[in-house]
Amino acid sequence: MNSRERVLCALDHREPDRIPRDFDSCGVTGIHVNALNSYLEKYYGGRRELNVWHIKEQLAEIPEDVRNDWKIDTRKILASAPSGWKAKVTEDEGYKHFTDEWGIRWSMPLKRGLYYDMTYHPLAEVETVEGLKNYKWPNPDDPARFFDLEKLDLSCNSYNSSALVASSFMSGMFETALWVRGFEKFFEDLVMKPEYAEFILDKMLELEIVFWKKMLGLVGDDVQVILYSDDVAVQNGMMISPRMYKRYLFPRRKKLYSVIKKISDVKILFHSCGAVRDLIPLFIEEGIDILNPVQISAGGMDTAEIKKQFGKDISFWGGGVDTQGVFPHGTPQQVADQVKRQIDILAPGGGFVFNTVHCIQPDVPPENIRAMFDVLDEFGVY
């Protein structure tokens, strides 16, 4: 059974030969460059010059020898930057900065900086719908985005034997709306300026549909999974009420997923951190096939209960070890114990792709990463 067959078997709620593994298929399942280099230094004889493919989260490309040792079953399919834009990093007053194609500025401290954070929201001061119409929205089907994909040989063995996960040029509609407008302003819009909020969300939906029609027209016959990343929850609850979710997000997401599935036979991998337990029935109704990251430390996210109640209708991609607690701060034995426990809960009957709870963070000791893989090798088989 090759990697693609293994992943598809699991997503069909059947048990493959072993639990499939993903550690770099997209921006929510990767590894921070510092964590990877610490691991390389400990177990591969030294650090390396690594390609940081995700600038905001500082995620590193995993070298092929490490991918093979980790038995990774997935590969990422990404669009490129649009024409006329690239991440131009500048430095001043102790920070690095760059501005993305949306006009959002991202900043990271020069000393001990680990990630880029948002420091400017381009729509924060726009107060009319007419002003929104005049904003320079990104072009989702800019030919430059797809130039590298058109040259990519997806028939070669490294791709055609792997499960391919495609990502958008943007985060989900809700998340991106918060980023361009600013969190406080957009939350106010949802209550006080619904016409404003709806214009932004409709625009996001329009951009996403245009992008996925183009993207899947190119790679839809080769890709098995697409990522839709759109955080709607925090540690112990929702960012918005279920009523607002059903009004603003549910119909637009349902429309998007319907369009995607009419173009290509792909599984939709939905990412939201936080306490999303109460929304899982709506996720399933929308057309989501897979939930990530299964944040086991968040309120109400009891893995056994979620698997029992929803495991026949949705697959789980993640939840293998808690990246907030035991993974960075526990002992290797504590990591091993938790990984074994999560395997025992999530693996039966298939419907499970192993990944950590979100990306592997920079403070995770290499010994804990090794402990995770040792348990996977021993107990991650059917």
Protein backbone atom coordinates (compact mmCIF):
# COMPACT_ATOMS: atom_id res chain seq x y z
CA MET A 1 0.00 0.00 0.00
CA ASN A 2 1.57 3.31 -1.03
CA SER A 3 1.06 6.63 0.74
CA ARG A 4 -1.82 7.81 -1.44
CA GLU A 5 -3.68 4.52 -1.07
CA ARG A 6 -3.07 4.59 2.68
CA VAL A 7 -4.50 8.09 3.14
CA LEU A 8 -7.51 7.45 0.91
CA CYS A 9 -8.25 4.21 2.72
CA ALA A 10 -8.23 6.01 6.07
CA LEU A 11 -10.40 8.85 4.75
CA ASP A 12 -12.86 6.23 3.52
CA HIS A 13 -13.20 5.17 7.18
CA ARG A 14 -11.36 1.92 6.65
CA GLU A 15 -8.19 0.67 8.30
CA PRO A 16 -5.06 0.76 6.09
CA ASP A 17 -1.81 -1.06 6.87
CA ARG A 18 -0.74 1.71 9.22
CA ILE A 19 -1.89 5.14 10.35
CA PRO A 20 -1.11 7.71 7.63
CA ARG A 21 1.20 10.57 8.63
CA ASP A 22 1.33 14.22 7.65
CA PHE A 23 3.95 16.68 8.82
CA ASP A 24 4.26 19.30 6.08
CA SER A 25 1.33 19.20 3.65
CA CYS A 26 0.11 22.71 4.47
CA GLY A 27 0.51 25.71 6.74
CA VAL A 28 -1.26 24.10 9.71
CA THR A 29 0.59 20.76 9.82
CA GLY A 30 4.25 21.74 9.45
CA ILE A 31 7.31 22.22 11.62
CA HIS A 32 9.04 25.43 12.69
CA VAL A 33 12.53 25.88 11.27
CA ASN A 34 14.06 26.05 14.78
CA ALA A 35 12.46 22.78 15.87
CA LEU A 36 13.57 21.00 12.71
CA ASN A 37 17.12 22.27 12.98
CA SER A 38 17.31 21.23 16.64
CA TYR A 39 16.21 17.76 15.57
CA LEU A 40 18.75 17.66 12.74
CA GLU A 41 21.51 18.74 15.11
CA LYS A 42 20.59 16.01 17.60
CA TYR A 43 19.99 13.10 15.22
CA TYR A 44 21.49 13.95 11.81
CA GLY A 45 24.87 15.37 12.69
CA GLY A 46 24.21 19.08 12.35
CA ARG A 47 21.99 21.91 11.29
CA ARG A 48 21.25 22.66 7.65
CA GLU A 49 20.30 25.58 5.45
CA LEU A 50 16.56 24.96 5.30
CA ASN A 51 14.04 26.52 2.97
CA VAL A 52 11.44 28.45 4.97
CA TRP A 53 8.43 28.00 2.71
CA HIS A 54 5.86 29.62 5.04
CA ILE A 55 7.25 33.01 6.00
CA LYS A 56 4.62 34.03 8.58
CA GLU A 57 4.85 30.85 10.66
CA GLN A 58 8.51 30.17 9.74
CA LEU A 59 7.77 26.62 8.61
CA ALA A 60 10.65 24.70 7.06
CA GLU A 61 10.77 22.34 4.11
CA ILE A 62 11.52 18.87 5.47
CA PRO A 63 14.54 17.29 3.70
CA GLU A 64 13.84 14.12 1.74
CA ASP A 65 15.95 11.88 3.98
CA VAL A 66 14.00 13.06 7.02
CA ARG A 67 10.69 12.71 5.18
CA ASN A 68 11.58 9.10 4.43
CA ASP A 69 12.61 8.38 8.01
CA TRP A 70 9.40 9.96 9.33
CA LYS A 71 7.33 7.99 6.79
CA ILE A 72 5.39 11.06 5.68
CA ASP A 73 2.49 10.18 3.38
CA THR A 74 1.58 13.63 2.07
CA ARG A 75 2.95 16.40 -0.13
CA LYS A 76 1.82 19.98 -0.54
CA ILE A 77 0.57 21.67 -3.69
CA LEU A 78 0.84 25.45 -3.49
CA ALA A 79 0.07 28.38 -5.70
CA SER A 80 2.85 30.91 -6.27
CA ALA A 81 2.96 34.62 -5.60
CA PRO A 82 1.00 36.91 -7.94
CA SER A 83 2.74 38.98 -10.58
CA GLY A 84 4.33 42.16 -9.31
CA TRP A 85 4.53 41.06 -5.67
CA LYS A 86 7.08 39.35 -3.48
CA ALA A 87 7.81 39.44 0.24
CA LYS A 88 10.18 42.39 0.55
CA VAL A 89 11.52 42.24 4.10
CA THR A 90 12.69 45.50 5.66
CA GLU A 91 14.19 46.21 9.07
CA ASP A 92 13.73 49.09 11.50
CA GLU A 93 13.59 49.68 15.25
CA GLY A 94 14.28 46.09 16.16
CA TYR A 95 11.79 44.45 13.80
CA LYS A 96 11.59 42.80 10.41
CA HIS A 97 8.53 43.74 8.33
CA PHE A 98 6.87 42.79 5.09
CA THR A 99 3.53 43.67 3.54
CA ASP A 100 1.52 40.92 1.86
CA GLU A 101 -0.58 41.18 -1.30
CA TRP A 102 -3.65 42.16 0.76
CA GLY A 103 -1.84 45.17 2.21
CA ILE A 104 -1.49 43.58 5.66
CA ARG A 105 1.81 44.37 7.34
CA TRP A 106 3.53 41.57 9.24
CA SER A 107 6.34 42.13 11.77
CA MET A 108 8.80 39.94 13.69
CA PRO A 109 11.39 40.97 16.31
CA LEU A 110 14.98 40.87 15.11
CA LYS A 111 16.13 39.38 18.40
CA ARG A 112 14.66 35.97 19.24
CA GLY A 113 11.73 36.49 16.88
CA LEU A 114 9.88 33.28 16.05
CA TYR A 115 6.90 34.35 13.93
CA TYR A 116 5.49 37.30 12.02
CA ASP A 117 2.45 38.99 13.59
CA MET A 118 0.01 41.44 12.02
CA THR A 119 0.73 45.10 12.76
CA TYR A 120 -1.43 46.84 10.16
CA HIS A 121 -4.91 46.10 8.78
CA PRO A 122 -5.58 47.89 5.46
CA LEU A 123 -9.37 48.17 5.82
CA ALA A 124 -9.38 49.33 9.42
CA GLU A 125 -10.20 52.92 8.51
CA VAL A 126 -12.51 52.30 5.54
CA GLU A 127 -16.01 53.18 6.73
CA THR A 128 -18.24 52.80 3.66
CA VAL A 129 -19.16 49.95 1.35
CA GLU A 130 -18.15 52.21 -1.53
CA GLY A 131 -14.70 52.43 0.01
CA LEU A 132 -14.55 48.65 0.08
CA LYS A 133 -15.45 48.48 -3.59
CA ASN A 134 -12.53 50.78 -4.37
CA TYR A 135 -10.05 48.67 -2.40
CA LYS A 136 -7.51 46.84 -4.57
CA TRP A 137 -8.51 43.22 -3.94
CA PRO A 138 -6.02 40.49 -4.93
CA ASN A 139 -6.49 38.81 -8.30
CA PRO A 140 -7.17 35.12 -7.53
CA ASP A 141 -6.52 33.84 -11.06
CA ASP A 142 -3.41 35.86 -11.81
CA PRO A 143 -1.49 33.60 -14.24
CA ALA A 144 1.68 33.98 -12.19
CA ARG A 145 0.07 32.02 -9.35
CA PHE A 146 -0.14 28.92 -11.52
CA PHE A 147 3.01 29.15 -13.64
CA ASP A 148 5.03 26.76 -11.45
CA LEU A 149 2.09 24.36 -11.12
CA GLU A 150 1.77 24.12 -14.90
CA LYS A 151 5.42 22.99 -15.03
CA LEU A 152 5.16 20.59 -12.09
CA ASP A 153 5.35 16.91 -13.04
CA LEU A 154 2.71 15.34 -10.81
CA SER A 155 3.19 12.00 -12.55
CA CYS A 156 6.65 11.44 -11.06
CA ASN A 157 6.87 8.86 -8.31
CA SER A 158 7.38 11.26 -5.40
CA TYR A 159 4.03 12.88 -6.23
CA ASN A 160 1.88 10.12 -7.72
CA SER A 161 2.52 7.81 -4.77
CA SER A 162 1.79 10.51 -2.16
CA ALA A 163 -1.48 12.01 -1.01
CA LEU A 164 -1.48 15.56 -2.41
CA VAL A 165 -2.93 18.43 -0.39
CA ALA A 166 -3.66 21.72 -2.18
CA SER A 167 -3.90 25.04 -0.38
CA SER A 168 -5.45 28.34 -1.39
CA PHE A 169 -3.69 31.66 -1.92
CA MET A 170 -5.62 32.96 1.12
CA SER A 171 -6.89 31.82 4.47
CA GLY A 172 -10.61 31.26 4.88
CA MET A 173 -13.20 33.99 4.46
CA PHE A 174 -13.75 34.72 8.17
CA GLU A 175 -10.08 34.69 9.10
CA THR A 176 -9.06 36.87 6.16
CA ALA A 177 -11.89 39.31 6.91
CA LEU A 178 -10.54 39.69 10.45
CA TRP A 179 -7.04 40.24 9.11
CA VAL A 180 -7.81 42.91 6.51
CA ARG A 181 -10.38 44.77 8.62
CA GLY A 182 -8.83 44.23 12.05
CA PHE A 183 -10.35 41.95 14.68
CA GLU A 184 -12.14 44.58 16.75
CA LYS A 185 -13.59 46.38 13.75
CA PHE A 186 -14.87 43.27 12.00
CA PHE A 187 -16.47 41.91 15.17
CA GLU A 188 -18.23 45.26 15.48
CA ASP A 189 -19.31 45.04 11.84
CA LEU A 190 -21.00 41.68 12.43
CA VAL A 191 -23.30 43.35 14.96
CA MET A 192 -23.53 47.00 13.96
CA LYS A 193 -22.75 47.04 10.22
CA PRO A 194 -24.01 43.76 8.80
CA GLU A 195 -24.04 45.13 5.26
CA TYR A 196 -20.34 45.90 5.64
CA ALA A 197 -19.53 42.44 7.01
CA GLU A 198 -21.58 40.73 4.32
CA PHE A 199 -19.88 42.66 1.54
CA ILE A 200 -16.46 41.58 2.79
CA LEU A 201 -17.51 37.93 3.22
CA ASP A 202 -19.19 37.85 -0.19
CA LYS A 203 -16.02 39.27 -1.71
CA MET A 204 -13.94 36.60 0.03
CA LEU A 205 -16.28 33.90 -1.28
CA GLU A 206 -16.05 35.30 -4.81
CA LEU A 207 -12.24 35.29 -4.69
CA GLU A 208 -12.14 31.75 -3.33
CA ILE A 209 -14.48 30.38 -6.00
CA VAL A 210 -12.46 31.99 -8.80
CA PHE A 211 -9.22 30.62 -7.35
CA TRP A 212 -10.42 27.04 -6.84
CA LYS A 213 -11.98 26.86 -10.31
CA LYS A 214 -8.59 27.74 -11.77
CA MET A 215 -6.53 25.67 -9.35
CA LEU A 216 -8.62 22.51 -9.63
CA GLY A 217 -8.85 22.94 -13.37
CA LEU A 218 -5.09 22.43 -13.37
CA VAL A 219 -4.53 19.85 -10.63
CA GLY A 220 -7.99 18.59 -9.70
CA ASP A 221 -7.39 15.16 -11.23
CA ASP A 222 -4.21 14.70 -9.18
CA VAL A 223 -5.05 16.22 -5.79
CA GLN A 224 -6.83 14.18 -3.12
CA VAL A 225 -7.36 16.81 -0.40
CA ILE A 226 -7.77 20.57 -0.25
CA LEU A 227 -7.17 22.66 2.85
CA TYR A 228 -9.74 25.19 4.01
CA SER A 229 -8.26 27.00 7.01
CA ASP A 230 -10.58 29.37 8.86
CA ASP A 231 -10.31 29.70 12.64
CA VAL A 232 -13.66 30.30 14.31
CA ALA A 233 -12.87 29.37 17.92
CA VAL A 234 -10.50 30.09 20.79
CA GLN A 235 -9.33 28.03 23.75
CA ASN A 236 -12.64 27.69 25.57
CA GLY A 237 -15.32 28.83 23.17
CA MET A 238 -16.35 30.34 19.87
CA MET A 239 -15.22 33.66 18.40
CA ILE A 240 -18.81 34.28 17.34
CA SER A 241 -22.12 32.80 18.44
CA PRO A 242 -23.63 29.77 16.68
CA ARG A 243 -26.41 32.08 15.50
CA MET A 244 -23.93 34.40 13.81
CA TYR A 245 -22.06 31.43 12.41
CA LYS A 246 -25.22 30.13 10.76
CA ARG A 247 -26.08 33.56 9.40
CA TYR A 248 -22.71 34.66 8.05
CA LEU A 249 -20.52 31.62 7.46
CA PHE A 250 -22.61 28.48 7.04
CA PRO A 251 -24.33 29.36 3.74
CA ARG A 252 -21.20 30.80 2.15
CA ARG A 253 -19.03 27.84 3.10
CA LYS A 254 -21.67 25.39 1.95
CA LYS A 255 -21.76 27.13 -1.42
CA LEU A 256 -17.96 27.09 -1.72
CA TYR A 257 -17.65 23.40 -0.88
CA SER A 258 -20.42 22.56 -3.34
CA VAL A 259 -18.61 24.40 -6.13
CA ILE A 260 -15.33 22.65 -5.30
CA LYS A 261 -16.83 19.17 -5.23
CA LYS A 262 -18.55 19.70 -8.56
CA ILE A 263 -15.15 20.39 -10.12
CA SER A 264 -13.07 17.67 -8.49
CA ASP A 265 -13.43 14.53 -6.39
CA VAL A 266 -11.48 15.89 -3.43
CA LYS A 267 -11.83 15.69 0.33
CA ILE A 268 -12.14 18.98 2.18
CA LEU A 269 -9.77 19.30 5.12
CA PHE A 270 -11.13 22.01 7.40
CA HIS A 271 -8.87 23.65 9.96
CA SER A 272 -10.01 25.57 12.99
CA CYS A 273 -8.19 25.73 16.26
CA GLY A 274 -10.04 25.89 19.53
CA ALA A 275 -13.28 24.64 21.04
CA VAL A 276 -15.28 23.73 17.92
CA ARG A 277 -17.13 20.72 19.35
CA ASP A 278 -20.60 22.28 19.08
CA LEU A 279 -20.07 23.22 15.44
CA ILE A 280 -19.03 19.80 14.17
CA PRO A 281 -22.60 18.90 13.07
CA LEU A 282 -22.69 22.11 11.00
CA PHE A 283 -19.25 21.34 9.55
CA ILE A 284 -20.53 17.97 8.37
CA GLU A 285 -23.70 19.51 6.93
CA GLU A 286 -21.63 22.09 5.05
CA GLY A 287 -19.68 19.35 3.30
CA ILE A 288 -16.47 19.11 5.33
CA ASP A 289 -14.85 15.67 5.22
CA ILE A 290 -11.95 16.08 7.65
CA LEU A 291 -11.40 18.11 10.82
CA ASN A 292 -8.02 19.52 11.84
CA PRO A 293 -6.27 19.95 14.27
CA VAL A 294 -8.54 18.33 16.90
CA GLN A 295 -7.22 20.61 19.65
CA ILE A 296 -7.37 18.20 22.55
CA SER A 297 -6.46 20.88 25.13
CA ALA A 298 -9.39 23.14 24.20
CA GLY A 299 -12.68 23.25 26.08
CA GLY A 300 -15.10 20.44 25.24
CA MET A 301 -12.68 18.72 22.85
CA ASP A 302 -12.72 15.31 24.51
CA THR A 303 -11.23 13.10 21.81
CA ALA A 304 -12.97 9.89 22.79
CA GLU A 305 -16.39 11.53 22.90
CA ILE A 306 -15.87 13.31 19.57
CA LYS A 307 -14.63 10.13 17.88
CA LYS A 308 -17.59 8.16 19.23
CA GLN A 309 -20.20 10.72 18.20
CA PHE A 310 -18.84 11.93 14.85
CA GLY A 311 -16.23 9.37 13.76
CA LYS A 312 -18.50 7.76 11.15
CA ASP A 313 -19.25 11.07 9.44
CA ILE A 314 -15.98 12.97 9.58
CA SER A 315 -12.28 12.05 9.66
CA PHE A 316 -9.71 13.49 12.02
CA TRP A 317 -6.38 14.88 10.82
CA GLY A 318 -4.30 15.71 13.88
CA GLY A 319 -4.89 15.36 17.60
CA GLY A 320 -1.86 13.11 17.98
CA VAL A 321 -0.10 15.09 20.72
CA ASP A 322 -0.80 18.39 22.48
CA THR A 323 1.52 21.13 21.17
CA GLN A 324 0.47 23.51 23.96
CA GLY A 325 1.36 21.26 26.84
CA VAL A 326 3.05 17.89 26.88
CA PHE A 327 4.89 18.12 23.54
CA PRO A 328 7.04 21.17 24.39
CA HIS A 329 7.04 20.82 28.19
CA GLY A 330 6.68 17.13 29.01
CA THR A 331 9.22 14.35 29.18
CA PRO A 332 9.72 11.91 26.30
CA GLN A 333 7.82 9.31 28.34
CA GLN A 334 4.89 11.67 28.84
CA VAL A 335 4.85 12.37 25.10
CA ALA A 336 4.95 8.65 24.35
CA ASP A 337 2.09 7.97 26.75
CA GLN A 338 -0.11 10.65 25.20
CA VAL A 339 0.62 9.61 21.62
CA LYS A 340 -0.23 6.00 22.49
CA ARG A 341 -3.47 7.11 24.13
CA GLN A 342 -4.50 9.24 21.16
CA ILE A 343 -3.75 6.39 18.75
CA ASP A 344 -5.90 4.05 20.83
CA ILE A 345 -8.79 6.53 20.62
CA LEU A 346 -8.57 7.82 17.06
CA ALA A 347 -7.16 4.95 15.01
CA PRO A 348 -9.90 2.25 15.27
CA GLY A 349 -12.03 2.04 12.15
CA GLY A 350 -9.81 4.40 10.16
CA GLY A 351 -10.80 8.02 9.66
CA PHE A 352 -7.50 9.20 11.16
CA VAL A 353 -4.37 10.83 9.74
CA PHE A 354 -1.69 11.41 12.36
CA ASN A 355 -0.42 14.92 12.93
CA THR A 356 0.31 16.98 16.00
CA VAL A 357 -2.17 19.54 17.28
CA HIS A 358 -1.18 22.30 14.83
CA CYS A 359 2.43 22.80 13.72
CA ILE A 360 5.44 21.58 15.67
CA GLN A 361 6.53 24.68 17.57
CA PRO A 362 10.11 25.96 17.98
CA ASP A 363 10.40 24.97 21.66
CA VAL A 364 9.66 21.25 21.20
CA PRO A 365 12.74 19.25 22.29
CA PRO A 366 14.12 16.89 19.64
CA GLU A 367 13.88 14.03 22.15
CA ASN A 368 10.11 14.54 22.31
CA ILE A 369 9.82 14.48 18.53
CA ARG A 370 11.78 11.23 18.47
CA ALA A 371 9.55 9.78 21.23
CA MET A 372 6.47 10.57 19.12
CA PHE A 373 7.86 8.74 16.10
CA ASP A 374 9.03 5.78 18.17
CA VAL A 375 5.46 5.26 19.40
CA LEU A 376 4.06 5.74 15.91
CA ASP A 377 6.42 3.12 14.55
CA GLU A 378 5.51 0.64 17.27
CA PHE A 379 1.79 1.19 17.72
CA GLY A 380 0.66 3.02 14.59
CA VAL A 381 -0.09 -0.17 12.67
CA TYR A 382 -3.33 -2.04 12.10
